[in-house]
Amino acid sequence: MREIILDTETTGLDAGGGDRIVEIACLELENRIPTGTHFQRYINPARDMPEGAFRIHGLSTDFLAGHPVFAKLVDDFLAFIADDPLVIHNAEFDLRFLNAELKRLDRPALANRAIDTVVLARRKFPGAQVNLDALCRRFEIDNSARSLHGALLDCELLAEVYLELSGGRQPGLDLASARRATASQGPGVRAARAPRPHEPSTEERTAHEAYLDKFEAPIWRNQTNDH
């Protein structure tokens, strides 16, 4: 099952009032485990960077000026996510910005199913903090590198959080992996087992004859003598 962890960084909070996406990152999952395949781009928003947003992600106007606008990378982005489910922390925010960018290009809104990890976390831990840092602390996930927000790093952290929210790594997965690894080694990897002796011992023969003496002309005695 393919899913896509997705995160964006923006110039602000108002997608309909002129704020734009400045970074987008996607991380591929197979059966909720990262495959190592990802998509990440910085985006020129064609506008200035407000100081408040700069303090959050550290992406300056000058830095972003050297990167492509959204229209130049939209096809690559859409090809990467395909029609697979999107796993997003506070999905409404990111989808609102992505759909605003698509609308500017006369493209249809995203139709992918969205899995909101904020909703999952609130169901699992009602009344608790459910921001990404709080969930990392709860699940003992190392987020020490998150001094600034970055879309790809946040995707990597969210992938671990999502796995925990979904029940964690199942013990059966490790057992199945070990079995597959053993099977992949091919024939001859197991130590040979000594053949089991089938010939009855002298004591067993004597006990059997004594047992047969209890019967009149037992057919088993004829079979024993034949062998």
Protein backbone atom coordinates (compact mmCIF):
# COMPACT_ATOMS: atom_id res chain seq x y z
CA MET A 1 0.00 0.00 0.00
CA ARG A 2 1.59 3.26 -1.15
CA GLU A 3 1.01 6.44 0.85
CA ILE A 4 2.65 9.86 0.67
CA ILE A 5 3.71 11.92 3.68
CA LEU A 6 3.38 15.56 2.64
CA ASP A 7 4.39 18.90 4.16
CA THR A 8 4.74 22.48 2.97
CA GLU A 9 6.31 25.71 4.18
CA THR A 10 4.67 29.02 3.27
CA THR A 11 5.02 32.79 3.48
CA GLY A 12 2.15 32.95 5.98
CA LEU A 13 -1.22 31.56 6.97
CA ASP A 14 -3.60 33.07 4.40
CA ALA A 15 -3.69 31.05 1.17
CA GLY A 16 -6.50 33.20 -0.22
CA GLY A 17 -4.88 36.50 0.73
CA GLY A 18 -1.59 36.31 -1.12
CA ASP A 19 0.53 33.90 0.92
CA ARG A 20 2.34 31.27 -1.14
CA ILE A 21 4.12 27.94 -0.81
CA VAL A 22 7.91 28.21 -0.54
CA GLU A 23 8.83 24.56 0.05
CA ILE A 24 7.10 21.28 -0.60
CA ALA A 25 8.25 17.81 0.41
CA CYS A 26 6.79 14.33 -0.04
CA LEU A 27 8.02 11.04 1.39
CA GLU A 28 6.93 7.70 -0.03
CA LEU A 29 5.66 4.98 2.30
CA GLU A 30 5.01 1.33 1.49
CA ASN A 31 2.89 -0.36 4.14
CA ARG A 32 3.57 2.69 6.35
CA ILE A 33 7.35 2.28 6.16
CA PRO A 34 9.50 4.90 4.32
CA THR A 35 11.05 3.53 1.14
CA GLY A 36 13.74 6.24 0.94
CA THR A 37 12.13 7.78 -2.15
CA HIS A 38 11.15 11.42 -1.74
CA PHE A 39 10.29 14.63 -3.59
CA GLN A 40 11.49 17.99 -2.25
CA ARG A 41 11.61 21.42 -3.86
CA TYR A 42 12.13 25.02 -2.79
CA ILE A 43 9.78 27.39 -4.60
CA ASN A 44 10.10 31.03 -5.60
CA PRO A 45 6.86 32.62 -4.28
CA ALA A 46 7.31 35.73 -6.46
CA ARG A 47 6.81 37.93 -3.42
CA ASP A 48 8.65 39.04 -0.29
CA MET A 49 9.16 36.88 2.80
CA PRO A 50 7.50 38.27 5.96
CA GLU A 51 9.78 38.33 8.99
CA GLY A 52 7.46 36.12 11.03
CA ALA A 53 7.52 33.35 8.46
CA PHE A 54 11.30 33.68 8.00
CA ARG A 55 11.80 33.08 11.73
CA ILE A 56 9.89 29.79 11.42
CA HIS A 57 11.64 28.21 8.42
CA GLY A 58 14.65 30.41 7.67
CA LEU A 59 13.92 30.69 3.93
CA SER A 60 14.76 34.20 2.76
CA THR A 61 13.52 36.13 -0.26
CA ASP A 62 17.02 36.15 -1.75
CA PHE A 63 17.47 32.39 -1.31
CA LEU A 64 14.10 31.55 -2.88
CA ALA A 65 14.65 33.92 -5.82
CA GLY A 66 17.07 31.38 -7.27
CA HIS A 67 14.49 28.58 -7.34
CA PRO A 68 11.67 27.82 -9.79
CA VAL A 69 8.10 29.02 -9.40
CA PHE A 70 5.37 26.48 -8.66
CA ALA A 71 4.30 26.28 -12.32
CA LYS A 72 7.71 24.84 -13.25
CA LEU A 73 7.49 21.89 -10.87
CA VAL A 74 3.77 21.17 -10.65
CA ASP A 75 3.89 18.30 -13.16
CA ASP A 76 6.72 16.56 -11.29
CA PHE A 77 4.85 17.02 -8.01
CA LEU A 78 1.59 15.61 -9.35
CA ALA A 79 3.38 12.67 -10.96
CA PHE A 80 5.06 11.82 -7.65
CA ILE A 81 1.91 11.80 -5.52
CA ALA A 82 -0.17 10.16 -8.28
CA ASP A 83 -3.58 9.24 -6.83
CA ASP A 84 -2.22 7.78 -3.58
CA PRO A 85 -3.43 8.83 -0.11
CA LEU A 86 -1.70 11.86 1.41
CA VAL A 87 -0.68 11.76 5.09
CA ILE A 88 -0.54 15.33 6.38
CA HIS A 89 -0.28 16.94 9.81
CA ASN A 90 -3.15 19.46 9.81
CA ALA A 91 -4.21 18.49 6.30
CA GLU A 92 -6.66 21.35 5.80
CA PHE A 93 -3.82 23.91 5.92
CA ASP A 94 -1.54 22.27 3.35
CA LEU A 95 -4.36 21.28 1.01
CA ARG A 96 -5.75 24.81 1.05
CA PHE A 97 -2.37 26.16 -0.10
CA LEU A 98 -1.80 23.45 -2.69
CA ASN A 99 -5.23 23.89 -4.19
CA ALA A 100 -4.76 27.68 -4.28
CA GLU A 101 -1.54 27.18 -6.26
CA LEU A 102 -3.28 24.75 -8.61
CA LYS A 103 -6.19 27.13 -9.10
CA ARG A 104 -3.81 29.90 -10.20
CA LEU A 105 -2.67 27.55 -12.97
CA ASP A 106 -6.22 26.54 -13.93
CA ARG A 107 -5.53 23.02 -12.66
CA PRO A 108 -8.14 20.92 -10.82
CA ALA A 109 -7.95 20.61 -7.06
CA LEU A 110 -6.32 17.53 -5.58
CA ALA A 111 -8.65 14.56 -5.34
CA ASN A 112 -6.34 12.34 -3.24
CA ARG A 113 -7.70 10.97 0.01
CA ALA A 114 -6.17 12.87 2.93
CA ILE A 115 -5.20 11.26 6.23
CA ASP A 116 -4.87 13.96 8.89
CA THR A 117 -2.51 12.93 11.67
CA VAL A 118 -3.83 15.75 13.87
CA VAL A 119 -7.25 14.08 13.78
CA LEU A 120 -5.67 10.67 14.49
CA ALA A 121 -3.72 12.07 17.44
CA ARG A 122 -6.74 13.83 18.95
CA ARG A 123 -8.73 10.62 18.82
CA LYS A 124 -5.91 8.67 20.45
CA PHE A 125 -4.96 11.31 23.03
CA PRO A 126 -8.00 13.52 23.71
CA GLY A 127 -7.12 16.78 25.45
CA ALA A 128 -3.35 16.38 24.91
CA GLN A 129 -1.08 18.53 22.73
CA VAL A 130 -0.91 17.12 19.22
CA ASN A 131 1.61 19.35 17.47
CA LEU A 132 4.50 17.52 15.83
CA ASP A 133 7.03 18.32 18.57
CA ALA A 134 4.65 17.13 21.30
CA LEU A 135 4.00 13.87 19.48
CA CYS A 136 7.72 13.32 18.96
CA ARG A 137 8.24 13.71 22.71
CA ARG A 138 5.37 11.33 23.46
CA PHE A 139 6.74 8.63 21.17
CA GLU A 140 10.40 9.33 22.08
CA ILE A 141 11.29 10.29 18.50
CA ASP A 142 14.48 12.34 18.19
CA ASN A 143 13.54 15.76 16.80
CA SER A 144 16.67 17.57 18.00
CA ALA A 145 17.52 18.60 14.41
CA ARG A 146 14.27 20.59 14.17
CA SER A 147 15.62 23.99 15.20
CA LEU A 148 13.77 25.44 12.19
CA HIS A 149 10.80 24.01 10.31
CA GLY A 150 11.77 22.21 7.13
CA ALA A 151 9.31 20.32 4.96
CA LEU A 152 11.47 17.24 4.32
CA LEU A 153 12.62 16.88 7.92
CA ASP A 154 9.04 17.29 9.10
CA CYS A 155 7.96 14.55 6.67
CA GLU A 156 10.59 12.22 8.10
CA LEU A 157 9.43 12.92 11.66
CA LEU A 158 5.78 12.61 10.68
CA ALA A 159 6.45 9.22 9.09
CA GLU A 160 7.62 7.93 12.49
CA VAL A 161 4.69 9.57 14.28
CA TYR A 162 2.22 8.11 11.77
CA LEU A 163 3.62 4.62 12.30
CA GLU A 164 3.13 5.00 16.06
CA LEU A 165 -0.38 6.42 15.68
CA SER A 166 -1.22 3.46 13.47
CA GLY A 167 -0.21 0.93 16.10
CA GLY A 168 3.56 0.90 15.86
CA ARG A 169 5.79 -1.69 14.25
CA GLN A 170 4.03 -5.04 14.55
CA PRO A 171 6.11 -7.88 16.06
CA GLY A 172 4.92 -10.17 13.28
CA LEU A 173 6.69 -8.01 10.71
CA ASP A 174 10.11 -8.76 12.19
CA LEU A 175 9.28 -12.48 12.43
CA ALA A 176 8.11 -12.55 8.83
CA SER A 177 11.27 -10.73 7.74
CA ALA A 178 13.44 -13.29 9.55
CA ARG A 179 11.56 -16.12 7.85
CA ARG A 180 11.99 -14.51 4.44
CA ALA A 181 15.70 -13.99 5.09
CA THR A 182 16.15 -17.64 6.02
CA ALA A 183 14.20 -18.80 2.98
CA SER A 184 16.24 -16.54 0.68
CA GLN A 185 19.45 -18.30 1.69
CA GLY A 186 18.37 -21.31 -0.35
CA PRO A 187 18.87 -25.03 0.32
CA GLY A 188 21.67 -26.35 2.45
CA VAL A 189 21.68 -23.67 5.15
CA ARG A 190 20.21 -25.86 7.89
CA ALA A 191 22.38 -28.29 9.84
CA ALA A 192 21.74 -31.90 8.88
CA ARG A 193 19.73 -33.81 11.46
CA ALA A 194 20.82 -37.35 12.34
CA PRO A 195 18.35 -39.96 11.03
CA ARG A 196 15.88 -41.21 13.60
CA PRO A 197 16.38 -44.96 14.39
CA HIS A 198 13.32 -47.07 13.55
CA GLU A 199 14.62 -50.57 14.37
CA PRO A 200 13.17 -51.74 17.74
CA SER A 201 15.63 -52.47 20.53
CA THR A 202 15.99 -55.93 22.17
CA GLU A 203 14.05 -54.70 25.20
CA GLU A 204 11.23 -53.47 22.96
CA ARG A 205 11.06 -56.84 21.14
CA THR A 206 10.92 -58.77 24.46
CA ALA A 207 8.14 -56.53 25.79
CA HIS A 208 6.20 -56.96 22.55
CA GLU A 209 6.44 -60.78 22.68
CA ALA A 210 5.26 -60.81 26.29
CA TYR A 211 2.28 -58.69 25.31
CA LEU A 212 1.37 -61.05 22.44
CA ASP A 213 1.48 -64.09 24.78
CA LYS A 214 -1.76 -62.76 26.30
CA PHE A 215 -3.64 -63.53 23.09
CA GLU A 216 -4.53 -66.81 21.34
CA ALA A 217 -2.81 -67.04 17.93
CA PRO A 218 -2.39 -63.28 17.51
CA ILE A 219 -2.04 -62.17 13.90
CA TRP A 220 0.60 -59.62 14.92
CA ARG A 221 2.99 -62.46 15.80
CA ASN A 222 2.79 -63.83 12.25
CA GLN A 223 3.50 -60.34 10.87
CA THR A 224 6.40 -59.91 13.26
CA ASN A 225 7.90 -63.23 12.25
CA ASP A 226 7.49 -62.34 8.57
CA HIS A 227 9.71 -59.30 9.14
